[in-house]
Amino acid sequence: SDTIVPLDKKLYSLRDVTATVPSIPLIASSIMSKKLA
């Protein structure tokens, strides 16, 4: 749902076009924020 961790969706769209997807802390935060939600 767009109401679950909306910040992740916004940040991921930006990471996708700025070559910052393969960052371990950013990947970990993206996955775990949704799991914890």
PDB file of all heavy atoms in Angstrom:
ATOM      1  N   SER A   1       0.847  -1.193   0.000  1.00  0.00           N
ATOM      2  CA  SER A   1       0.000   0.000   0.000  1.00  0.00           C
ATOM      3  C   SER A   1       0.879   1.237   0.000  1.00  0.00           C
ATOM      4  O   SER A   1       1.967   1.244   0.578  1.00  0.00           O
ATOM      5  CB  SER A   1      -0.890  -0.016   1.252  1.00  0.00           C
ATOM      6  OG  SER A   1      -1.433   1.252   1.482  1.00  0.00           O
ATOM      7  N   ASP A   2       0.392   2.295  -0.642  1.00  0.00           N
ATOM      8  CA  ASP A   2       1.139   3.559  -0.656  1.00  0.00           C
ATOM      9  C   ASP A   2       1.218   4.186   0.728  1.00  0.00           C
ATOM     10  O   ASP A   2       2.008   5.093   0.951  1.00  0.00           O
ATOM     11  CB  ASP A   2       0.478   4.549  -1.629  1.00  0.00           C
ATOM     12  CG  ASP A   2       0.677   4.150  -3.078  1.00  0.00           C
ATOM     13  OD1 ASP A   2       1.596   3.359  -3.348  1.00  0.00           O
ATOM     14  OD2 ASP A   2      -0.095   4.613  -3.932  1.00  0.00           O
ATOM     15  N   THR A   3       0.398   3.684   1.657  1.00  0.00           N
ATOM     16  CA  THR A   3       0.434   4.251   3.011  1.00  0.00           C
ATOM     17  C   THR A   3       1.501   3.594   3.891  1.00  0.00           C
ATOM     18  O   THR A   3       1.767   4.049   4.986  1.00  0.00           O
ATOM     19  CB  THR A   3      -0.946   4.075   3.700  1.00  0.00           C
ATOM     20  OG1 THR A   3      -1.225   2.676   3.864  1.00  0.00           O
ATOM     21  CG2 THR A   3      -2.047   4.718   2.875  1.00  0.00           C
ATOM     22  N   ILE A   4       2.107   2.485   3.402  1.00  0.00           N
ATOM     23  CA  ILE A   4       3.176   1.798   4.133  1.00  0.00           C
ATOM     24  C   ILE A   4       4.515   2.331   3.652  1.00  0.00           C
ATOM     25  O   ILE A   4       4.876   2.211   2.483  1.00  0.00           O
ATOM     26  CB  ILE A   4       3.109   0.266   3.909  1.00  0.00           C
ATOM     27  CG1 ILE A   4       1.752  -0.288   4.312  1.00  0.00           C
ATOM     28  CG2 ILE A   4       4.239  -0.432   4.659  1.00  0.00           C
ATOM     29  CD1 ILE A   4       1.486  -0.312   5.785  1.00  0.00           C
ATOM     30  N   VAL A   5       5.271   2.941   4.542  1.00  0.00           N
ATOM     31  CA  VAL A   5       6.609   3.498   4.258  1.00  0.00           C
ATOM     32  C   VAL A   5       6.636   4.271   2.928  1.00  0.00           C
ATOM     33  O   VAL A   5       7.380   3.918   2.016  1.00  0.00           O
ATOM     34  CB  VAL A   5       7.693   2.394   4.261  1.00  0.00           C
ATOM     35  CG1 VAL A   5       9.070   3.011   4.418  1.00  0.00           C
ATOM     36  CG2 VAL A   5       7.464   1.377   5.375  1.00  0.00           C
ATOM     37  N   PRO A   6       5.829   5.317   2.799  1.00  0.00           N
ATOM     38  CA  PRO A   6       5.828   6.087   1.546  1.00  0.00           C
ATOM     39  C   PRO A   6       7.181   6.728   1.242  1.00  0.00           C
ATOM     40  O   PRO A   6       7.522   6.955   0.075  1.00  0.00           O
ATOM     41  CB  PRO A   6       4.752   7.152   1.779  1.00  0.00           C
ATOM     42  CG  PRO A   6       4.617   7.254   3.268  1.00  0.00           C
ATOM     43  CD  PRO A   6       4.888   5.877   3.788  1.00  0.00           C
ATOM     44  N   LEU A   7       7.960   6.997   2.284  1.00  0.00           N
ATOM     45  CA  LEU A   7       9.282   7.591   2.067  1.00  0.00           C
ATOM     46  C   LEU A   7      10.185   6.647   1.286  1.00  0.00           C
ATOM     47  O   LEU A   7      11.000   7.086   0.464  1.00  0.00           O
ATOM     48  CB  LEU A   7       9.915   7.936   3.423  1.00  0.00           C
ATOM     49  CG  LEU A   7      11.273   8.639   3.399  1.00  0.00           C
ATOM     50  CD1 LEU A   7      11.233   9.911   2.578  1.00  0.00           C
ATOM     51  CD2 LEU A   7      11.733   8.928   4.827  1.00  0.00           C
ATOM     52  N   ASP A   8      10.052   5.344   1.515  1.00  0.00           N
ATOM     53  CA  ASP A   8      10.877   4.371   0.789  1.00  0.00           C
ATOM     54  C   ASP A   8      10.594   4.433  -0.701  1.00  0.00           C
ATOM     55  O   ASP A   8      11.519   4.399  -1.522  1.00  0.00           O
ATOM     56  CB  ASP A   8      10.615   2.957   1.317  1.00  0.00           C
ATOM     57  CG  ASP A   8      11.383   1.902   0.531  1.00  0.00           C
ATOM     58  OD1 ASP A   8      12.627   1.940   0.582  1.00  0.00           O
ATOM     59  OD2 ASP A   8      10.755   1.074  -0.140  1.00  0.00           O
ATOM     60  N   LYS A   9       9.316   4.504  -1.056  1.00  0.00           N
ATOM     61  CA  LYS A   9       8.950   4.553  -2.472  1.00  0.00           C
ATOM     62  C   LYS A   9       9.547   5.789  -3.149  1.00  0.00           C
ATOM     63  O   LYS A   9      10.083   5.726  -4.254  1.00  0.00           O
ATOM     64  CB  LYS A   9       7.423   4.558  -2.614  1.00  0.00           C
ATOM     65  CG  LYS A   9       6.932   4.510  -4.051  1.00  0.00           C
ATOM     66  CD  LYS A   9       5.420   4.433  -4.111  1.00  0.00           C
ATOM     67  CE  LYS A   9       4.955   4.354  -5.563  1.00  0.00           C
ATOM     68  NZ  LYS A   9       3.479   4.287  -5.655  1.00  0.00           N
ATOM     69  N   LYS A  10       9.480   6.906  -2.448  1.00  0.00           N
ATOM     70  CA  LYS A  10      10.006   8.153  -3.015  1.00  0.00           C
ATOM     71  C   LYS A  10      11.527   8.109  -3.137  1.00  0.00           C
ATOM     72  O   LYS A  10      12.099   8.515  -4.154  1.00  0.00           O
ATOM     73  CB  LYS A  10       9.570   9.337  -2.140  1.00  0.00           C
ATOM     74  CG  LYS A  10       9.842  10.692  -2.787  1.00  0.00           C
ATOM     75  CD  LYS A  10       9.203  11.819  -2.004  1.00  0.00           C
ATOM     76  CE  LYS A  10       9.429  13.130  -2.766  1.00  0.00           C
ATOM     77  NZ  LYS A  10       8.933  14.295  -2.019  1.00  0.00           N
ATOM     78  N   LEU A  11      12.179   7.586  -2.111  1.00  0.00           N
ATOM     79  CA  LEU A  11      13.639   7.500  -2.141  1.00  0.00           C
ATOM     80  C   LEU A  11      14.116   6.489  -3.176  1.00  0.00           C
ATOM     81  O   LEU A  11      15.109   6.727  -3.877  1.00  0.00           O
ATOM     82  CB  LEU A  11      14.181   7.103  -0.765  1.00  0.00           C
ATOM     83  CG  LEU A  11      14.207   8.181   0.314  1.00  0.00           C
ATOM     84  CD1 LEU A  11      14.693   7.591   1.633  1.00  0.00           C
ATOM     85  CD2 LEU A  11      15.106   9.344  -0.099  1.00  0.00           C
ATOM     86  N   TYR A  12      13.413   5.354  -3.284  1.00  0.00           N
ATOM     87  CA  TYR A  12      13.860   4.328  -4.229  1.00  0.00           C
ATOM     88  C   TYR A  12      13.783   4.836  -5.663  1.00  0.00           C
ATOM     89  O   TYR A  12      14.670   4.554  -6.482  1.00  0.00           O
ATOM     90  CB  TYR A  12      13.053   3.034  -4.084  1.00  0.00           C
ATOM     91  CG  TYR A  12      13.727   1.898  -4.826  1.00  0.00           C
ATOM     92  CD1 TYR A  12      14.671   1.113  -4.189  1.00  0.00           C
ATOM     93  CD2 TYR A  12      13.465   1.664  -6.177  1.00  0.00           C
ATOM     94  CE1 TYR A  12      15.334   0.094  -4.873  1.00  0.00           C
ATOM     95  CE2 TYR A  12      14.119   0.659  -6.866  1.00  0.00           C
ATOM     96  CZ  TYR A  12      15.055  -0.123  -6.203  1.00  0.00           C
ATOM     97  OH  TYR A  12      15.727  -1.106  -6.891  1.00  0.00           O
ATOM     98  N   SER A  13      12.739   5.585  -5.986  1.00  0.00           N
ATOM     99  CA  SER A  13      12.625   6.144  -7.341  1.00  0.00           C
ATOM    100  C   SER A  13      13.813   7.026  -7.662  1.00  0.00           C
ATOM    101  O   SER A  13      14.323   7.036  -8.788  1.00  0.00           O
ATOM    102  CB  SER A  13      11.327   6.951  -7.463  1.00  0.00           C
ATOM    103  OG  SER A  13      10.205   6.128  -7.297  1.00  0.00           O
ATOM    104  N   LEU A  14      14.284   7.743  -6.651  1.00  0.00           N
ATOM    105  CA  LEU A  14      15.444   8.619  -6.842  1.00  0.00           C
ATOM    106  C   LEU A  14      16.735   7.809  -6.912  1.00  0.00           C
ATOM    107  O   LEU A  14      17.609   8.074  -7.746  1.00  0.00           O
ATOM    108  CB  LEU A  14      15.515   9.634  -5.697  1.00  0.00           C
ATOM    109  CG  LEU A  14      16.459  10.826  -5.885  1.00  0.00           C
ATOM    110  CD1 LEU A  14      16.085  11.636  -7.117  1.00  0.00           C
ATOM    111  CD2 LEU A  14      16.436  11.714  -4.648  1.00  0.00           C
ATOM    112  N   ARG A  15      16.874   6.812  -6.048  1.00  0.00           N
ATOM    113  CA  ARG A  15      18.064   5.958  -6.068  1.00  0.00           C
ATOM    114  C   ARG A  15      18.211   5.264  -7.412  1.00  0.00           C
ATOM    115  O   ARG A  15      19.316   5.086  -7.928  1.00  0.00           O
ATOM    116  CB  ARG A  15      17.980   4.913  -4.950  1.00  0.00           C
ATOM    117  CG  ARG A  15      18.189   5.471  -3.556  1.00  0.00           C
ATOM    118  CD  ARG A  15      17.799   4.468  -2.493  1.00  0.00           C
ATOM    119  NE  ARG A  15      18.561   3.218  -2.629  1.00  0.00           N
ATOM    120  CZ  ARG A  15      18.165   2.043  -2.164  1.00  0.00           C
ATOM    121  NH1 ARG A  15      16.991   1.937  -1.549  1.00  0.00           N
ATOM    122  NH2 ARG A  15      18.923   0.979  -2.327  1.00  0.00           N
ATOM    123  N   ASP A  16      17.072   4.887  -7.986  1.00  0.00           N
ATOM    124  CA  ASP A  16      17.067   4.138  -9.239  1.00  0.00           C
ATOM    125  C   ASP A  16      17.682   4.935 -10.390  1.00  0.00           C
ATOM    126  O   ASP A  16      18.261   4.364 -11.310  1.00  0.00           O
ATOM    127  CB  ASP A  16      15.628   3.743  -9.575  1.00  0.00           C
ATOM    128  CG  ASP A  16      15.556   2.641 -10.615  1.00  0.00           C
ATOM    129  OD1 ASP A  16      16.452   1.774 -10.621  1.00  0.00           O
ATOM    130  OD2 ASP A  16      14.609   2.637 -11.416  1.00  0.00           O
ATOM    131  N   VAL A  17      17.561   6.251 -10.345  1.00  0.00           N
ATOM    132  CA  VAL A  17      18.066   7.089 -11.447  1.00  0.00           C
ATOM    133  C   VAL A  17      19.333   7.854 -11.069  1.00  0.00           C
ATOM    134  O   VAL A  17      19.814   8.689 -11.849  1.00  0.00           O
ATOM    135  CB  VAL A  17      16.979   8.087 -11.931  1.00  0.00           C
ATOM    136  CG1 VAL A  17      15.814   7.334 -12.537  1.00  0.00           C
ATOM    137  CG2 VAL A  17      16.510   9.003 -10.813  1.00  0.00           C
ATOM    138  N   THR A  18      19.882   7.573  -9.881  1.00  0.00           N
ATOM    139  CA  THR A  18      21.106   8.268  -9.458  1.00  0.00           C
ATOM    140  C   THR A  18      22.234   7.288  -9.117  1.00  0.00           C
ATOM    141  O   THR A  18      23.214   7.666  -8.489  1.00  0.00           O
ATOM    142  CB  THR A  18      20.841   9.176  -8.235  1.00  0.00           C
ATOM    143  OG1 THR A  18      20.296   8.379  -7.163  1.00  0.00           O
ATOM    144  CG2 THR A  18      19.884  10.301  -8.573  1.00  0.00           C
ATOM    145  N   ALA A  19      22.097   6.035  -9.538  1.00  0.00           N
ATOM    146  CA  ALA A  19      23.137   5.012  -9.334  1.00  0.00           C
ATOM    147  C   ALA A  19      23.479   4.802  -7.866  1.00  0.00           C
ATOM    148  O   ALA A  19      24.618   4.512  -7.519  1.00  0.00           O
ATOM    149  CB  ALA A  19      24.401   5.370 -10.130  1.00  0.00           C
ATOM    150  N   THR A  20      22.479   4.930  -6.984  1.00  0.00           N
ATOM    151  CA  THR A  20      22.718   4.712  -5.551  1.00  0.00           C
ATOM    152  C   THR A  20      21.909   3.527  -5.011  1.00  0.00           C
ATOM    153  O   THR A  20      21.758   3.385  -3.802  1.00  0.00           O
ATOM    154  CB  THR A  20      22.379   5.985  -4.743  1.00  0.00           C
ATOM    155  OG1 THR A  20      21.057   6.426  -5.067  1.00  0.00           O
ATOM    156  CG2 THR A  20      23.366   7.103  -5.032  1.00  0.00           C
ATOM    157  N   VAL A  21      21.403   2.676  -5.899  1.00  0.00           N
ATOM    158  CA  VAL A  21      20.663   1.488  -5.438  1.00  0.00           C
ATOM    159  C   VAL A  21      21.580   0.509  -4.699  1.00  0.00           C
ATOM    160  O   VAL A  21      21.250   0.054  -3.605  1.00  0.00           O
ATOM    161  CB  VAL A  21      19.943   0.787  -6.617  1.00  0.00           C
ATOM    162  CG1 VAL A  21      19.428  -0.577  -6.184  1.00  0.00           C
ATOM    163  CG2 VAL A  21      18.775   1.643  -7.107  1.00  0.00           C
ATOM    164  N   PRO A  22      22.770   0.161  -5.242  1.00  0.00           N
ATOM    165  CA  PRO A  22      23.592  -0.865  -4.578  1.00  0.00           C
ATOM    166  C   PRO A  22      24.378  -0.355  -3.373  1.00  0.00           C
ATOM    167  O   PRO A  22      25.611  -0.371  -3.345  1.00  0.00           O
ATOM    168  CB  PRO A  22      24.523  -1.350  -5.694  1.00  0.00           C
ATOM    169  CG  PRO A  22      24.660  -0.193  -6.599  1.00  0.00           C
ATOM    170  CD  PRO A  22      23.373   0.574  -6.526  1.00  0.00           C
ATOM    171  N   SER A  23      23.673   0.119  -2.377  1.00  0.00           N
ATOM    172  CA  SER A  23      24.271   0.580  -1.123  1.00  0.00           C
ATOM    173  C   SER A  23      23.697  -0.282  -0.009  1.00  0.00           C
ATOM    174  O   SER A  23      22.482  -0.301   0.199  1.00  0.00           O
ATOM    175  CB  SER A  23      23.927   2.058  -0.881  1.00  0.00           C
ATOM    176  OG  SER A  23      24.071   2.396   0.467  1.00  0.00           O
ATOM    177  N   ILE A  24      24.547  -1.008   0.704  1.00  0.00           N
ATOM    178  CA  ILE A  24      24.053  -1.953   1.713  1.00  0.00           C
ATOM    179  C   ILE A  24      23.192  -1.275   2.778  1.00  0.00           C
ATOM    180  O   ILE A  24      22.104  -1.752   3.088  1.00  0.00           O
ATOM    181  CB  ILE A  24      25.220  -2.763   2.317  1.00  0.00           C
ATOM    182  CG1 ILE A  24      25.617  -3.846   1.304  1.00  0.00           C
ATOM    183  CG2 ILE A  24      24.837  -3.397   3.656  1.00  0.00           C
ATOM    184  CD1 ILE A  24      26.784  -4.688   1.689  1.00  0.00           C
ATOM    185  N   PRO A  25      23.610  -0.149   3.374  1.00  0.00           N
ATOM    186  CA  PRO A  25      22.715   0.458   4.370  1.00  0.00           C
ATOM    187  C   PRO A  25      21.388   0.923   3.783  1.00  0.00           C
ATOM    188  O   PRO A  25      20.340   0.792   4.434  1.00  0.00           O
ATOM    189  CB  PRO A  25      23.529   1.633   4.916  1.00  0.00           C
ATOM    190  CG  PRO A  25      24.652   1.843   3.981  1.00  0.00           C
ATOM    191  CD  PRO A  25      24.907   0.534   3.324  1.00  0.00           C
ATOM    192  N   LEU A  26      21.385   1.417   2.551  1.00  0.00           N
ATOM    193  CA  LEU A  26      20.137   1.865   1.937  1.00  0.00           C
ATOM    194  C   LEU A  26      19.239   0.678   1.583  1.00  0.00           C
ATOM    195  O   LEU A  26      18.018   0.741   1.740  1.00  0.00           O
ATOM    196  CB  LEU A  26      20.420   2.715   0.689  1.00  0.00           C
ATOM    197  CG  LEU A  26      21.059   4.084   0.945  1.00  0.00           C
ATOM    198  CD1 LEU A  26      21.400   4.775  -0.370  1.00  0.00           C
ATOM    199  CD2 LEU A  26      20.145   4.973   1.789  1.00  0.00           C
ATOM    200  N   ILE A  27      19.830  -0.417   1.109  1.00  0.00           N
ATOM    201  CA  ILE A  27      19.049  -1.626   0.827  1.00  0.00           C
ATOM    202  C   ILE A  27      18.456  -2.168   2.124  1.00  0.00           C
ATOM    203  O   ILE A  27      17.273  -2.513   2.201  1.00  0.00           O
ATOM    204  CB  ILE A  27      19.917  -2.708   0.160  1.00  0.00           C
ATOM    205  CG1 ILE A  27      20.449  -2.246  -1.192  1.00  0.00           C
ATOM    206  CG2 ILE A  27      19.123  -4.009  -0.013  1.00  0.00           C
ATOM    207  CD1 ILE A  27      21.546  -3.132  -1.762  1.00  0.00           C
ATOM    208  N   ALA A  28      19.292  -2.264   3.158  1.00  0.00           N
ATOM    209  CA  ALA A  28      18.848  -2.812   4.442  1.00  0.00           C
ATOM    210  C   ALA A  28      17.704  -1.996   5.032  1.00  0.00           C
ATOM    211  O   ALA A  28      16.713  -2.540   5.517  1.00  0.00           O
ATOM    212  CB  ALA A  28      20.020  -2.865   5.422  1.00  0.00           C
ATOM    213  N   SER A  29      17.832  -0.682   4.972  1.00  0.00           N
ATOM    214  CA  SER A  29      16.790   0.193   5.512  1.00  0.00           C
ATOM    215  C   SER A  29      15.496   0.060   4.712  1.00  0.00           C
ATOM    216  O   SER A  29      14.402   0.039   5.275  1.00  0.00           O
ATOM    217  CB  SER A  29      17.274   1.641   5.511  1.00  0.00           C
ATOM    218  OG  SER A  29      16.287   2.483   6.048  1.00  0.00           O
ATOM    219  N   SER A  30      15.624  -0.046   3.392  1.00  0.00           N
ATOM    220  CA  SER A  30      14.453  -0.175   2.525  1.00  0.00           C
ATOM    221  C   SER A  30      13.687  -1.461   2.852  1.00  0.00           C
ATOM    222  O   SER A  30      12.463  -1.448   3.022  1.00  0.00           O
ATOM    223  CB  SER A  30      14.890  -0.178   1.060  1.00  0.00           C
ATOM    224  OG  SER A  30      13.798  -0.407   0.207  1.00  0.00           O
ATOM    225  N   ILE A  31      14.405  -2.569   2.944  1.00  0.00           N
ATOM    226  CA  ILE A  31      13.754  -3.855   3.228  1.00  0.00           C
ATOM    227  C   ILE A  31      13.178  -3.873   4.637  1.00  0.00           C
ATOM    228  O   ILE A  31      12.011  -4.205   4.861  1.00  0.00           O
ATOM    229  CB  ILE A  31      14.749  -5.019   3.041  1.00  0.00           C
ATOM    230  CG1 ILE A  31      15.117  -5.183   1.557  1.00  0.00           C
ATOM    231  CG2 ILE A  31      14.159  -6.334   3.583  1.00  0.00           C
ATOM    232  CD1 ILE A  31      16.230  -6.175   1.290  1.00  0.00           C
ATOM    233  N   MET A  32      14.009  -3.516   5.617  1.00  0.00           N
ATOM    234  CA  MET A  32      13.606  -3.688   7.010  1.00  0.00           C
ATOM    235  C   MET A  32      12.531  -2.697   7.439  1.00  0.00           C
ATOM    236  O   MET A  32      11.699  -3.021   8.290  1.00  0.00           O
ATOM    237  CB  MET A  32      14.818  -3.582   7.928  1.00  0.00           C
ATOM    238  CG  MET A  32      15.767  -4.768   7.826  1.00  0.00           C
ATOM    239  SD  MET A  32      14.971  -6.362   8.190  1.00  0.00           S
ATOM    240  CE  MET A  32      14.670  -6.185   9.957  1.00  0.00           C
ATOM    241  N   SER A  33      12.501  -1.507   6.868  1.00  0.00           N
ATOM    242  CA  SER A  33      11.440  -0.559   7.235  1.00  0.00           C
ATOM    243  C   SER A  33      10.079  -1.128   6.862  1.00  0.00           C
ATOM    244  O   SER A  33       9.102  -0.991   7.607  1.00  0.00           O
ATOM    245  CB  SER A  33      11.661   0.803   6.569  1.00  0.00           C
ATOM    246  OG  SER A  33      11.638   0.698   5.156  1.00  0.00           O
ATOM    247  N   LYS A  34      10.002  -1.822   5.703  1.00  0.00           N
ATOM    248  CA  LYS A  34       8.730  -2.422   5.275  1.00  0.00           C
ATOM    249  C   LYS A  34       8.397  -3.656   6.109  1.00  0.00           C
ATOM    250  O   LYS A  34       7.240  -3.926   6.414  1.00  0.00           O
ATOM    251  CB  LYS A  34       8.791  -2.761   3.782  1.00  0.00           C
ATOM    252  CG  LYS A  34       8.875  -1.531   2.878  1.00  0.00           C
ATOM    253  CD  LYS A  34       8.610  -1.867   1.440  1.00  0.00           C
ATOM    254  CE  LYS A  34       9.748  -2.592   0.771  1.00  0.00           C
ATOM    255  NZ  LYS A  34      10.893  -1.740   0.431  1.00  0.00           N
ATOM    256  N   LYS A  35       9.436  -4.427   6.472  1.00  0.00           N
ATOM    257  CA  LYS A  35       9.201  -5.608   7.321  1.00  0.00           C
ATOM    258  C   LYS A  35       8.725  -5.183   8.712  1.00  0.00           C
ATOM    259  O   LYS A  35       7.841  -5.814   9.290  1.00  0.00           O
ATOM    260  CB  LYS A  35      10.476  -6.436   7.445  1.00  0.00           C
ATOM    261  CG  LYS A  35      11.024  -7.027   6.154  1.00  0.00           C
ATOM    262  CD  LYS A  35      10.087  -8.057   5.532  1.00  0.00           C
ATOM    263  CE  LYS A  35       9.252  -7.506   4.407  1.00  0.00           C
ATOM    264  NZ  LYS A  35       8.288  -8.455   3.848  1.00  0.00           N
ATOM    265  N   LEU A  36       9.317  -4.150   9.244  1.00  0.00           N
ATOM    266  CA  LEU A  36       8.971  -3.683  10.591  1.00  0.00           C
ATOM    267  C   LEU A  36       7.613  -2.991  10.628  1.00  0.00           C
ATOM    268  O   LEU A  36       6.973  -2.913  11.676  1.00  0.00           O
ATOM    269  CB  LEU A  36      10.053  -2.740  11.109  1.00  0.00           C
ATOM    270  CG  LEU A  36      11.432  -3.379  11.339  1.00  0.00           C
ATOM    271  CD1 LEU A  36      12.504  -2.293  11.503  1.00  0.00           C
ATOM    272  CD2 LEU A  36      11.421  -4.300  12.549  1.00  0.00           C
ATOM    273  N   ALA A  37       7.174  -2.489   9.481  1.00  0.00           N
ATOM    274  CA  ALA A  37       5.898  -1.764   9.426  1.00  0.00           C
ATOM    275  C   ALA A  37       4.694  -2.687   9.581  1.00  0.00           C
ATOM    276  O   ALA A  37       3.621  -2.251   9.965  1.00  0.00           O
ATOM    277  CB  ALA A  37       5.789  -0.980   8.118  1.00  0.00           C
TER     278      ALA A  37
END
